Structures are given as C-alpha cells and as structure tokens.
Amino acid sequence: MNDIENQLDSALELAKEYLSDETDDLVTVETVEESPESIVSSIENRDEDIEDDYVISRDNIYELMGKGKKALDGILELAEDDESARTFEVAGQILKTVSELNKEAIELQIKLEELKSMENKGSPKNITNNAVFVGSTSELQKLLKGEKSNGEKG
C-alpha cells in the first residue's frame, strides 16, 4: 500500500516533508492578506475591473486545466501499471474536474458577453407612453370639448 502512495505522490508531483520529533524543526507560516484598498472597485473603473477579472479568471482556469491534464496523464500511466481500483477512481475524479473547468471557461465567456450586452443597452431608445381613458364616449367628448374651450380661453 505504501508503494502505491509513493507512486501517486511521484505521479502527482507531491512532496512529502518528514519532521523529526523535535519542535526546533517546525516552521511557522505567516499569512499575508491583501489590503482592502487594492480590492475596492468604483463605478468609474467598472469596465476595467470586469476585463481584469475576466483575464485573471480565464488565466486561472487554463492554468488549472493544464495542471489537471498533467495530473491525469500521470495517474493514468500509474493506473495502467498498478491496475488498482483506487488509482482508476482518482483518474476519474481528475477527469471530471478537468471537464468541469472546461465548462467554467465557456460559462465565463457567456457571462462576459451578458455584461457587455447590458452595458451596450444602456437606456431604452424608444419610449412609448400610452394614456388610457376609462369612461363612456360621451364623457370623452365632454372632456375633449372642455380641453378645447380651456385651451382657447388660456
């Protein structure tokens, strides 16, 4: 079983670090958070932000797809040699993940087009205001005559 794990680690390029029992070997890791000022967006920069987010997201998706393909190639090679059900299961999971990344890349394109079409629409060009009179024809005639007489007087 340990041999299979080592083969998986080498195929997926995973590094194992063995620590001794002494606490001197432990390394403290500090997390660095981005300042909120660098993430804040404004209405004026919205077009640039959308474009930047699209490019970054697309690059990330393609990078993950490349790594997934490399991992899939390695695990399939291992699965052929090992013929273990677990390695085939892992290969199937990686294959599913890579195919989902492909779908995400297409969805990203669609969402960008939707955003662009919303921006291009802007305000409507043709505005139609329809007024509806509810009443009888005689009331309508009286109303129209009243407006004519009011218009002539004023």
C-alpha atoms as a PDB file:
ATOM      1  CA  MET A   1       0.000   0.000   0.000  1.00  0.00           C
ATOM      2  CA  ASN A   2       2.860   2.357   0.817  1.00  0.00           C
ATOM      3  CA  ASP A   3       4.355   1.709  -2.622  1.00  0.00           C
ATOM      4  CA  ILE A   4       1.122   2.833  -4.292  1.00  0.00           C
ATOM      5  CA  GLU A   5       1.101   6.040  -2.243  1.00  0.00           C
ATOM      6  CA  ASN A   6       4.685   6.766  -3.231  1.00  0.00           C
ATOM      7  CA  GLN A   7       3.847   6.196  -6.901  1.00  0.00           C
ATOM      8  CA  LEU A   8       0.820   8.511  -6.597  1.00  0.00           C
ATOM      9  CA  ASP A   9       2.953  11.158  -4.912  1.00  0.00           C
ATOM     10  CA  SER A  10       5.577  10.995  -7.619  1.00  0.00           C
ATOM     11  CA  ALA A  11       2.994  10.971 -10.440  1.00  0.00           C
ATOM     12  CA  LEU A  12       1.201  13.975  -8.991  1.00  0.00           C
ATOM     13  CA  GLU A  13       4.489  15.621  -8.058  1.00  0.00           C
ATOM     14  CA  LEU A  14       3.595  15.808  -4.379  1.00  0.00           C
ATOM     15  CA  ALA A  15       6.400  16.484  -1.948  1.00  0.00           C
ATOM     16  CA  LYS A  16       6.447  14.917   1.490  1.00  0.00           C
ATOM     17  CA  GLU A  17       8.255  16.593   4.285  1.00  0.00           C
ATOM     18  CA  TYR A  18       9.201  14.483   7.251  1.00  0.00           C
ATOM     19  CA  LEU A  19       9.598  16.289  10.531  1.00  0.00           C
ATOM     20  CA  SER A  20      11.507  14.951  13.458  1.00  0.00           C
ATOM     21  CA  ASP A  21      10.024  14.765  16.922  1.00  0.00           C
ATOM     22  CA  GLU A  22      11.884  17.893  17.936  1.00  0.00           C
ATOM     23  CA  THR A  23       9.962  21.160  17.803  1.00  0.00           C
ATOM     24  CA  ASP A  24      13.041  23.029  16.512  1.00  0.00           C
ATOM     25  CA  ASP A  25      12.287  21.738  13.021  1.00  0.00           C
ATOM     26  CA  LEU A  26       8.807  23.263  12.937  1.00  0.00           C
ATOM     27  CA  VAL A  27       8.352  26.256  10.693  1.00  0.00           C
ATOM     28  CA  THR A  28       5.863  28.990  11.408  1.00  0.00           C
ATOM     29  CA  VAL A  29       3.910  30.236   8.443  1.00  0.00           C
ATOM     30  CA  GLU A  30       2.592  33.762   8.331  1.00  0.00           C
ATOM     31  CA  THR A  31      -0.406  34.560   6.189  1.00  0.00           C
ATOM     32  CA  VAL A  32      -0.346  37.783   4.268  1.00  0.00           C
ATOM     33  CA  GLU A  33      -3.685  39.333   3.486  1.00  0.00           C
ATOM     34  CA  GLU A  34      -4.252  41.836   0.736  1.00  0.00           C
ATOM     35  CA  SER A  35      -5.232  45.258   1.898  1.00  0.00           C
ATOM     36  CA  PRO A  36      -8.861  46.160   1.170  1.00  0.00           C
ATOM     37  CA  GLU A  37      -7.760  49.265  -0.767  1.00  0.00           C
ATOM     38  CA  SER A  38      -6.368  47.118  -3.572  1.00  0.00           C
ATOM     39  CA  ILE A  39      -9.654  45.247  -3.965  1.00  0.00           C
ATOM     40  CA  VAL A  40     -12.070  48.195  -3.803  1.00  0.00           C
ATOM     41  CA  SER A  41     -13.790  48.967  -7.070  1.00  0.00           C
ATOM     42  CA  SER A  42     -15.560  52.074  -8.246  1.00  0.00           C
ATOM     43  CA  ILE A  43     -18.178  52.737 -10.868  1.00  0.00           C
ATOM     44  CA  GLU A  44     -15.694  54.653 -12.996  1.00  0.00           C
ATOM     45  CA  ASN A  45     -13.350  51.637 -13.157  1.00  0.00           C
ATOM     46  CA  ARG A  46     -16.083  49.053 -13.633  1.00  0.00           C
ATOM     47  CA  ASP A  47     -15.189  48.276 -17.257  1.00  0.00           C
ATOM     48  CA  GLU A  48     -11.521  47.824 -16.380  1.00  0.00           C
ATOM     49  CA  ASP A  49     -12.400  45.704 -13.344  1.00  0.00           C
ATOM     50  CA  ILE A  50     -14.637  43.423 -15.390  1.00  0.00           C
ATOM     51  CA  GLU A  51     -11.945  42.999 -18.023  1.00  0.00           C
ATOM     52  CA  ASP A  52      -9.220  42.394 -15.403  1.00  0.00           C
ATOM     53  CA  ASP A  53     -11.363  39.865 -13.526  1.00  0.00           C
ATOM     54  CA  TYR A  54     -12.159  38.097 -16.777  1.00  0.00           C
ATOM     55  CA  VAL A  55      -8.490  37.848 -17.770  1.00  0.00           C
ATOM     56  CA  ILE A  56      -7.394  36.661 -14.316  1.00  0.00           C
ATOM     57  CA  SER A  57     -10.214  34.115 -14.085  1.00  0.00           C
ATOM     58  CA  ARG A  58      -9.528  32.833 -17.576  1.00  0.00           C
ATOM     59  CA  ASP A  59      -5.807  32.502 -16.880  1.00  0.00           C
ATOM     60  CA  ASN A  60      -6.517  30.641 -13.636  1.00  0.00           C
ATOM     61  CA  ILE A  61      -8.934  28.266 -15.335  1.00  0.00           C
ATOM     62  CA  TYR A  62      -6.478  27.477 -18.121  1.00  0.00           C
ATOM     63  CA  GLU A  63      -3.641  27.003 -15.646  1.00  0.00           C
ATOM     64  CA  LEU A  64      -5.770  24.592 -13.615  1.00  0.00           C
ATOM     65  CA  MET A  65      -6.774  22.736 -16.777  1.00  0.00           C
ATOM     66  CA  GLY A  66      -3.104  22.334 -17.716  1.00  0.00           C
ATOM     67  CA  LYS A  67      -2.213  21.017 -14.280  1.00  0.00           C
ATOM     68  CA  GLY A  68      -5.240  18.732 -14.365  1.00  0.00           C
ATOM     69  CA  LYS A  69      -4.220  17.299 -17.730  1.00  0.00           C
ATOM     70  CA  LYS A  70      -0.687  16.695 -16.471  1.00  0.00           C
ATOM     71  CA  ALA A  71      -2.013  15.013 -13.321  1.00  0.00           C
ATOM     72  CA  LEU A  72      -4.433  12.948 -15.395  1.00  0.00           C
ATOM     73  CA  ASP A  73      -1.641  11.737 -17.677  1.00  0.00           C
ATOM     74  CA  GLY A  74       0.448  10.714 -14.665  1.00  0.00           C
ATOM     75  CA  ILE A  75      -2.368   8.965 -12.844  1.00  0.00           C
ATOM     76  CA  LEU A  76      -3.489   7.107 -15.992  1.00  0.00           C
ATOM     77  CA  GLU A  77       0.040   5.852 -16.513  1.00  0.00           C
ATOM     78  CA  LEU A  78       0.113   4.720 -12.897  1.00  0.00           C
ATOM     79  CA  ALA A  79      -3.326   3.139 -13.194  1.00  0.00           C
ATOM     80  CA  GLU A  80      -2.226   1.090 -16.197  1.00  0.00           C
ATOM     81  CA  ASP A  81       0.812  -0.201 -14.324  1.00  0.00           C
ATOM     82  CA  ASP A  82      -0.905  -0.746 -10.993  1.00  0.00           C
ATOM     83  CA  GLU A  83      -4.399  -1.815 -12.096  1.00  0.00           C
ATOM     84  CA  SER A  84      -5.726  -0.693  -8.712  1.00  0.00           C
ATOM     85  CA  ALA A  85      -9.330   0.397  -8.405  1.00  0.00           C
ATOM     86  CA  ARG A  86      -8.290   3.389  -6.293  1.00  0.00           C
ATOM     87  CA  THR A  87      -5.978   4.801  -8.973  1.00  0.00           C
ATOM     88  CA  PHE A  88      -8.741   4.482 -11.572  1.00  0.00           C
ATOM     89  CA  GLU A  89     -11.103   6.225  -9.164  1.00  0.00           C
ATOM     90  CA  VAL A  90      -8.647   9.102  -8.731  1.00  0.00           C
ATOM     91  CA  ALA A  91      -8.211   9.274 -12.515  1.00  0.00           C
ATOM     92  CA  GLY A  92     -11.980   9.531 -12.917  1.00  0.00           C
ATOM     93  CA  GLN A  93     -12.171  12.343 -10.364  1.00  0.00           C
ATOM     94  CA  ILE A  94      -9.402  14.279 -12.099  1.00  0.00           C
ATOM     95  CA  LEU A  95     -11.109  13.759 -15.465  1.00  0.00           C
ATOM     96  CA  LYS A  96     -14.381  15.091 -14.035  1.00  0.00           C
ATOM     97  CA  THR A  97     -12.611  18.119 -12.564  1.00  0.00           C
ATOM     98  CA  VAL A  98     -10.898  18.965 -15.859  1.00  0.00           C
ATOM     99  CA  SER A  99     -14.191  18.668 -17.752  1.00  0.00           C
ATOM    100  CA  GLU A 100     -15.870  20.971 -15.194  1.00  0.00           C
ATOM    101  CA  LEU A 101     -13.084  23.507 -15.743  1.00  0.00           C
ATOM    102  CA  ASN A 102     -13.855  23.412 -19.472  1.00  0.00           C
ATOM    103  CA  LYS A 103     -17.499  24.189 -18.707  1.00  0.00           C
ATOM    104  CA  GLU A 104     -16.442  27.045 -16.427  1.00  0.00           C
ATOM    105  CA  ALA A 105     -14.335  28.548 -19.219  1.00  0.00           C
ATOM    106  CA  ILE A 106     -17.370  28.560 -21.531  1.00  0.00           C
ATOM    107  CA  GLU A 107     -19.638  29.978 -18.798  1.00  0.00           C
ATOM    108  CA  LEU A 108     -17.098  32.726 -18.184  1.00  0.00           C
ATOM    109  CA  GLN A 109     -17.310  33.720 -21.856  1.00  0.00           C
ATOM    110  CA  ILE A 110     -21.116  33.757 -21.717  1.00  0.00           C
ATOM    111  CA  LYS A 111     -21.171  35.886 -18.560  1.00  0.00           C
ATOM    112  CA  LEU A 112     -18.751  38.391 -20.073  1.00  0.00           C
ATOM    113  CA  GLU A 113     -20.936  38.699 -23.181  1.00  0.00           C
ATOM    114  CA  GLU A 114     -24.005  39.237 -20.968  1.00  0.00           C
ATOM    115  CA  LEU A 115     -22.218  42.003 -19.074  1.00  0.00           C
ATOM    116  CA  LYS A 116     -21.138  43.670 -22.307  1.00  0.00           C
ATOM    117  CA  SER A 117     -24.649  43.484 -23.772  1.00  0.00           C
ATOM    118  CA  MET A 118     -26.105  45.006 -20.587  1.00  0.00           C
ATOM    119  CA  GLU A 119     -23.640  47.893 -20.844  1.00  0.00           C
ATOM    120  CA  ASN A 120     -24.381  48.439 -24.530  1.00  0.00           C
ATOM    121  CA  LYS A 121     -28.131  48.563 -23.983  1.00  0.00           C
ATOM    122  CA  GLY A 122     -27.952  51.495 -21.596  1.00  0.00           C
ATOM    123  CA  SER A 123     -31.221  53.418 -21.532  1.00  0.00           C
ATOM    124  CA  PRO A 124     -34.050  52.493 -23.877  1.00  0.00           C
ATOM    125  CA  LYS A 125     -34.099  54.428 -27.168  1.00  0.00           C
ATOM    126  CA  ASN A 126     -37.832  54.322 -27.891  1.00  0.00           C
ATOM    127  CA  ILE A 127     -40.152  55.323 -25.081  1.00  0.00           C
ATOM    128  CA  THR A 128     -43.870  54.933 -25.662  1.00  0.00           C
ATOM    129  CA  ASN A 129     -46.331  56.449 -23.206  1.00  0.00           C
ATOM    130  CA  ASN A 130     -49.884  55.265 -23.667  1.00  0.00           C
ATOM    131  CA  ALA A 131     -52.728  57.037 -21.878  1.00  0.00           C
ATOM    132  CA  VAL A 132     -55.952  55.113 -21.496  1.00  0.00           C
ATOM    133  CA  PHE A 133     -59.282  56.807 -20.860  1.00  0.00           C
ATOM    134  CA  VAL A 134     -61.779  54.797 -18.880  1.00  0.00           C
ATOM    135  CA  GLY A 135     -65.284  56.058 -19.383  1.00  0.00           C
ATOM    136  CA  SER A 136     -68.070  56.402 -21.904  1.00  0.00           C
ATOM    137  CA  THR A 137     -67.775  58.127 -25.278  1.00  0.00           C
ATOM    138  CA  SER A 138     -69.987  60.996 -24.103  1.00  0.00           C
ATOM    139  CA  GLU A 139     -67.658  61.595 -21.133  1.00  0.00           C
ATOM    140  CA  LEU A 140     -64.711  61.546 -23.523  1.00  0.00           C
ATOM    141  CA  GLN A 141     -66.410  64.093 -25.799  1.00  0.00           C
ATOM    142  CA  LYS A 142     -67.151  66.347 -22.821  1.00  0.00           C
ATOM    143  CA  LEU A 143     -63.552  66.058 -21.696  1.00  0.00           C
ATOM    144  CA  LEU A 144     -62.225  66.899 -25.168  1.00  0.00           C
ATOM    145  CA  LYS A 145     -64.636  69.843 -25.586  1.00  0.00           C
ATOM    146  CA  GLY A 146     -63.611  71.104 -22.171  1.00  0.00           C
ATOM    147  CA  GLU A 147     -59.972  70.984 -23.105  1.00  0.00           C
ATOM    148  CA  LYS A 148     -60.632  72.818 -26.365  1.00  0.00           C
ATOM    149  CA  SER A 149     -62.576  75.529 -24.599  1.00  0.00           C
ATOM    150  CA  ASN A 150     -59.910  75.719 -21.863  1.00  0.00           C
ATOM    151  CA  GLY A 151     -57.187  75.852 -24.496  1.00  0.00           C
ATOM    152  CA  GLU A 152     -58.941  78.662 -26.376  1.00  0.00           C
ATOM    153  CA  LYS A 153     -59.518  80.676 -23.224  1.00  0.00           C
ATOM    154  CA  GLY A 154     -55.963  80.307 -21.858  1.00  0.00           C
END
